[in-house]
Protein backbone atom coordinates (compact mmCIF):
# COMPACT_ATOMS: atom_id res chain seq x y z
CA MET A 1 2.94 -9.29 -43.10
CA SER A 2 4.98 -11.54 -45.38
CA ASP A 3 2.80 -10.50 -48.35
CA GLU A 4 3.29 -6.83 -47.48
CA PHE A 5 7.09 -7.06 -47.62
CA SER A 6 7.37 -9.64 -50.38
CA ARG A 7 7.88 -6.86 -52.95
CA PHE A 8 11.05 -5.87 -51.09
CA ASP A 9 12.69 -9.24 -51.78
CA SER A 10 15.64 -9.33 -54.17
CA LEU A 11 16.38 -5.62 -53.84
CA GLU A 12 19.69 -6.17 -55.62
CA THR A 13 17.81 -6.81 -58.87
CA LYS A 14 15.81 -3.56 -58.69
CA THR A 15 16.62 -0.56 -60.82
CA HIS A 16 17.40 2.84 -59.35
CA ASP A 17 13.88 4.14 -60.03
CA GLU A 18 12.30 1.05 -58.48
CA LEU A 19 14.46 1.43 -55.38
CA ALA A 20 13.49 5.11 -55.14
CA ASN A 21 9.80 4.22 -55.35
CA LEU A 22 10.20 1.53 -52.71
CA ALA A 23 12.04 4.02 -50.50
CA ARG A 24 9.15 6.46 -50.76
CA ASP A 25 6.70 3.67 -49.95
CA VAL A 26 8.41 3.08 -46.61
CA GLY A 27 8.55 6.77 -45.71
CA LEU A 28 12.11 7.63 -46.70
CA ARG A 29 12.74 11.18 -47.88
CA ASP A 30 15.23 12.92 -50.15
CA VAL A 31 15.89 9.76 -52.13
CA ASP A 32 16.28 11.31 -55.58
CA SER A 33 19.87 12.38 -54.98
CA LEU A 34 20.96 9.04 -53.52
CA SER A 35 22.88 6.42 -55.44
CA SER A 36 21.55 2.93 -56.03
CA ASP A 37 23.87 1.48 -53.36
CA ALA A 38 22.73 4.06 -50.80
CA LEU A 39 19.11 3.40 -51.68
CA LEU A 40 19.67 -0.33 -51.38
CA ARG A 41 21.14 0.06 -47.88
CA ARG A 42 18.48 2.51 -46.66
CA VAL A 43 15.54 0.51 -48.02
CA GLY A 44 16.91 -2.75 -46.63
CA ARG A 45 17.46 -1.17 -43.22
CA ARG A 46 13.99 0.42 -43.17
CA VAL A 47 12.30 -2.85 -44.14
CA GLY A 48 14.15 -4.63 -41.34
CA ILE A 49 12.92 -1.99 -38.88
CA LEU A 50 9.35 -2.29 -40.13
CA ARG A 51 9.38 -6.05 -39.79
CA ALA A 52 10.46 -5.73 -36.14
CA LEU A 53 8.13 -2.88 -35.15
CA ASP A 54 4.89 -3.56 -33.32
CA SER A 55 1.78 -2.31 -35.09
CA GLN A 56 0.32 -1.09 -31.79
CA ALA A 57 3.39 1.10 -31.26
CA LEU A 58 2.84 2.64 -34.68
CA HIS A 59 -0.81 3.28 -33.79
CA ASP A 60 0.38 5.05 -30.62
CA VAL A 61 2.53 7.36 -32.72
CA LEU A 62 -0.35 8.03 -35.13
CA ARG A 63 -2.73 8.91 -32.27
CA TRP A 64 -0.05 11.14 -30.76
CA GLY A 65 0.45 12.88 -34.12
CA ARG A 66 -3.34 13.15 -34.70
CA ARG A 67 -3.15 11.11 -37.88
CA ARG A 68 -5.79 8.70 -39.10
CA VAL A 69 -5.35 5.58 -41.19
CA GLY A 70 -7.66 2.75 -42.15
CA THR A 71 -8.16 -0.17 -39.81
CA ASN A 72 -6.46 -2.48 -42.30
CA ALA A 73 -3.61 -0.09 -43.07
CA SER A 74 -0.23 -1.72 -43.63
CA LYS A 75 2.92 -0.77 -41.77
CA SER A 76 4.19 1.06 -44.84
CA GLU A 77 1.07 3.24 -44.96
CA MET A 78 1.30 3.98 -41.25
CA VAL A 79 4.98 4.88 -41.54
CA ARG A 80 4.31 7.27 -44.43
CA GLU A 81 1.81 9.10 -42.23
CA ILE A 82 4.16 9.07 -39.25
CA MET A 83 6.93 10.70 -41.27
CA THR A 84 4.66 13.72 -41.86
CA ILE A 85 4.25 14.39 -38.13
CA ASN A 86 6.00 17.56 -36.95
CA ARG A 87 5.14 17.48 -33.26
CA ASP A 88 7.93 17.63 -30.70
CA ASP A 89 6.10 17.25 -27.38
CA TYR A 90 7.53 13.78 -26.95
CA ASP A 91 6.64 13.60 -23.26
CA THR A 92 3.01 12.87 -24.22
CA LEU A 93 3.94 9.82 -26.30
CA SER A 94 3.91 6.31 -24.88
CA HIS A 95 7.19 4.48 -24.25
CA ARG A 96 6.70 1.97 -27.04
CA GLY A 97 5.69 4.82 -29.35
CA LEU A 98 8.90 6.67 -28.47
CA ILE A 99 10.97 3.61 -29.35
CA ALA A 100 9.14 3.15 -32.66
CA LEU A 101 9.52 6.83 -33.60
CA ALA A 102 13.21 6.87 -32.67
CA ARG A 103 13.92 3.75 -34.70
CA LEU A 104 12.10 5.18 -37.68
CA ARG A 105 14.37 8.21 -37.38
CA GLY A 106 17.42 6.01 -37.59
CA MET A 107 18.33 5.53 -33.92
CA ASP A 108 19.50 2.25 -32.44
CA LEU A 109 17.68 1.68 -29.18
CA LYS A 110 17.10 -1.08 -26.70
CA ASP A 111 13.59 -2.08 -25.73
CA ASP A 112 14.25 -1.02 -22.12
CA GLU A 113 15.77 2.36 -23.02
CA HIS A 114 14.67 5.07 -20.57
CA ALA A 115 12.02 7.43 -21.92
CA GLU A 116 13.91 10.61 -20.95
CA THR A 117 16.99 9.38 -22.79
CA ILE A 118 14.93 8.71 -25.92
CA VAL A 119 13.34 12.17 -25.73
CA ASP A 120 16.76 13.83 -25.40
CA ARG A 121 18.09 11.92 -28.40
CA LEU A 122 15.02 12.77 -30.47
CA ARG A 123 15.43 16.46 -29.71
CA GLU A 124 19.13 16.34 -30.48
CA SER A 125 18.37 14.79 -33.86
CA GLU A 126 15.92 17.55 -34.83
CA GLY A 127 16.82 19.83 -37.70
CA PHE A 128 17.59 23.52 -37.56
CA TRP A 129 14.03 24.83 -37.80
CA PRO A 130 12.52 22.58 -35.08
CA LYS A 131 15.34 23.62 -32.75
CA PHE A 132 14.83 27.26 -33.72
CA HIS A 133 11.09 27.08 -33.02
CA ARG A 134 11.77 25.35 -29.71
CA LYS A 135 14.19 28.11 -28.65
CA ARG A 136 11.67 30.73 -29.77
CA ARG A 137 8.95 29.09 -27.67
CA ARG A 138 11.39 28.83 -24.76
CA LEU A 139 12.07 32.58 -24.97
CA ILE A 140 8.35 33.40 -25.11
CA GLY A 141 7.72 31.03 -22.21
CA SER A 142 10.44 32.70 -20.14
CA LEU A 143 8.91 36.12 -20.72
CA LEU A 144 5.40 34.92 -19.87
CA GLU A 145 6.72 33.08 -16.81
CA LYS A 146 8.20 36.33 -15.49
CA ILE A 147 4.98 38.21 -16.18
CA VAL A 148 2.47 35.62 -15.01
CA GLU A 149 4.19 33.91 -12.10
CA ALA A 150 6.31 36.87 -10.87
CA PRO A 151 7.76 35.21 -7.73
CA THR A 152 8.26 37.55 -4.79
CA THR A 153 11.42 35.76 -3.72
CA PRO A 154 13.98 34.42 -6.16
CA PRO A 155 13.64 30.64 -6.55
CA PRO A 156 16.60 28.46 -5.63
CA LYS A 157 18.97 27.83 -8.48
CA VAL A 158 18.48 24.29 -9.67
CA ALA A 159 20.12 22.72 -12.67
CA VAL A 160 17.72 21.95 -15.49
CA SER A 161 18.82 18.35 -15.51
CA GLY A 162 18.00 18.14 -11.80
CA GLU A 163 14.41 19.30 -12.14
CA SER A 164 11.81 16.77 -11.22
CA PRO A 165 9.00 16.04 -13.71
CA GLU A 166 6.53 17.71 -11.31
CA GLU A 167 8.55 20.94 -11.26
CA LYS A 168 8.92 20.93 -15.01
CA GLU A 169 5.20 20.35 -15.50
CA ARG A 170 4.46 23.20 -13.12
CA ARG A 171 6.56 25.75 -15.00
CA ILE A 172 4.77 27.61 -17.77
CA ARG A 173 8.04 28.10 -19.64
CA SER A 174 8.51 24.36 -20.07
CA GLN A 175 4.88 23.91 -21.07
CA ILE A 176 5.12 26.58 -23.79
CA GLU A 177 8.44 25.15 -24.95
CA ASP A 178 6.94 21.67 -25.34
CA HIS A 179 3.41 22.51 -26.51
CA GLY A 180 3.64 25.97 -28.05
CA LEU A 181 2.13 29.24 -26.84
CA VAL A 182 -1.55 28.29 -27.08
CA GLY A 183 -1.02 24.69 -25.98
CA GLY A 184 1.21 25.71 -23.06
CA ILE A 185 -1.25 28.31 -21.77
CA ALA A 186 -4.11 25.82 -22.25
CA ASN A 187 -2.23 23.19 -20.25
CA ARG A 188 -1.47 25.78 -17.60
CA LEU A 189 -5.13 26.78 -17.34
CA ARG A 190 -6.17 23.14 -17.40
CA GLY A 191 -3.77 22.40 -14.56
CA ALA A 192 -5.06 25.38 -12.56
CA ALA A 193 -8.65 24.28 -13.18
CA ASP A 194 -7.82 20.73 -12.12
CA SER A 195 -6.16 22.03 -8.94
CA TYR A 196 -9.16 24.26 -8.20
CA ILE A 197 -11.61 21.41 -8.76
CA GLU A 198 -9.51 19.08 -6.64
CA THR A 199 -9.41 21.64 -3.83
CA LYS A 200 -13.17 22.19 -4.03
CA LEU A 201 -13.81 18.45 -4.04
CA ASP A 202 -11.67 18.12 -0.92
CA GLU A 203 -13.65 20.91 0.73
CA ILE A 204 -16.93 19.27 -0.26
CA GLU A 205 -15.70 15.94 1.08
CA ILE A 206 -14.72 17.58 4.38
CA ARG A 207 -18.15 19.24 4.62
CA ILE A 208 -19.91 15.98 3.84
CA ASP A 209 -17.87 14.18 6.50
CA ALA A 210 -18.71 16.92 9.01
CA LYS A 211 -22.40 16.67 8.14
CA LEU A 212 -22.33 12.90 8.46
CA GLU A 213 -20.63 13.17 11.85
CA GLU A 214 -23.24 15.69 12.96
CA ILE A 215 -26.03 13.41 11.74
CA ASP A 216 -24.48 10.46 13.59
CA ARG A 217 -24.18 12.55 16.75
CA ARG A 218 -27.78 13.70 16.51
CA MET A 219 -28.97 10.18 15.77
CA ALA A 220 -27.07 8.94 18.82
CA GLU A 221 -28.67 11.66 20.98
CA TRP A 222 -32.11 10.86 19.59
CA ARG A 223 -31.53 7.15 20.20
CA ASP A 224 -30.44 7.80 23.79
CA ARG A 225 -33.49 9.98 24.44
CA GLU A 226 -35.75 7.38 22.85
CA ILE A 227 -34.28 4.62 25.01
CA ALA A 228 -34.60 6.81 28.14
CA ASN A 229 -38.27 7.59 27.30
CA ARG A 230 -39.03 3.93 26.71
CA LEU A 231 -37.40 2.97 30.02
CA ARG A 232 -39.40 5.70 31.79
CA ILE A 233 -42.62 4.44 30.22
CA LEU A 234 -41.70 0.89 31.19
CA ARG A 235 -41.07 1.92 34.80
CA ILE A 236 -44.39 3.78 34.92
CA THR A 237 -46.17 0.78 33.44
CA LEU A 238 -44.60 -1.57 35.98
CA ALA A 239 -45.45 0.78 38.86
CA PHE A 240 -49.05 1.11 37.64
CA THR A 241 -49.34 -2.67 37.23
CA LEU A 242 -47.99 -3.17 40.74
CA LEU A 243 -50.42 -0.60 42.11
CA VAL A 244 -53.36 -2.25 40.36
CA ALA A 245 -52.26 -5.62 41.74
CA LEU A 246 -52.06 -4.22 45.27
CA VAL A 247 -55.47 -2.56 44.92
CA SER A 248 -56.91 -5.84 43.62
CA LEU A 249 -55.44 -7.79 46.53
CA GLY A 250 -56.79 -5.22 49.01
CA TYR A 251 -60.18 -5.34 47.37
CA ASN A 252 -60.31 -9.15 47.50
CA TYR A 253 -59.19 -9.10 51.13
CA VAL A 254 -61.81 -6.58 52.16
CA LYS A 255 -64.48 -8.38 50.19
CA GLY A 256 -63.57 -11.64 51.82
CA ARG A 257 -63.81 -10.09 55.25
CA ILE A 258 -67.23 -8.57 54.49
CA ASP A 259 -68.75 -11.71 53.01
CA LYS A 260 -67.58 -13.95 55.93
CA PRO A 261 -70.47 -14.61 58.49
CA PRO A 262 -69.98 -13.88 62.25
CA ALA A 263 -68.86 -16.72 64.56
CA ASP A 264 -72.09 -16.82 66.75
CA VAL A 265 -74.18 -17.24 63.64
CA ARG A 266 -72.18 -20.24 62.59
CA SER A 267 -72.47 -21.81 66.09
CA VAL A 268 -76.31 -21.54 66.14
CA GLU A 269 -76.58 -23.25 62.90
């Protein structure tokens, strides 16, 4: 990175036109009407920010803004693309991307600054037209919220600052305000589809568990019947074996009695 920023060394020796070109290279706007001293301060400050920024954070901002740069793009090239991003749904940007974007917009932040605080400051720093479009989307979202959701009972009054992220994500007005009409409705439908799929998956899981329990119960019954049948067969086999043994003993006894000669015959001999 030292080669990338080497051309910004000795800014004091640059002419006004050179400073203006360098300012454009690092993504600064409206530099034609600035004096050389103002350009010198703004370029020096921007170069210091670029030196400190993490390239991965800049890539997060580019992905969030749907911008593409080359794999070997310098920080200056990435920043020039970032400064053309007009999105304001900051809640979808990573924390390090929020810090990088805020610092590029001239805010002094700490690395551990809370994300909600950064988002509030970014929205406060927006120009007239971004704020106007946000208010317009908020109005449209409010109207659609009344038409679509139409609660039967008035919801409890809760301060906007006290809303949880889950409640804000659930409200179509906030979604349209952050993502626009089409994006807000798409997120709403996506959330409804996700909820429906999650519910159906839970039902399927319950049915599968019930089927598995039924299979286990039937297997247990089958196993018990099989064991009982085997024991019955074993008892019958033992009884039959015992009967055969008794018959064999009786047969041998009777045969022995028949084959034995009478006592008078033995005495004559």
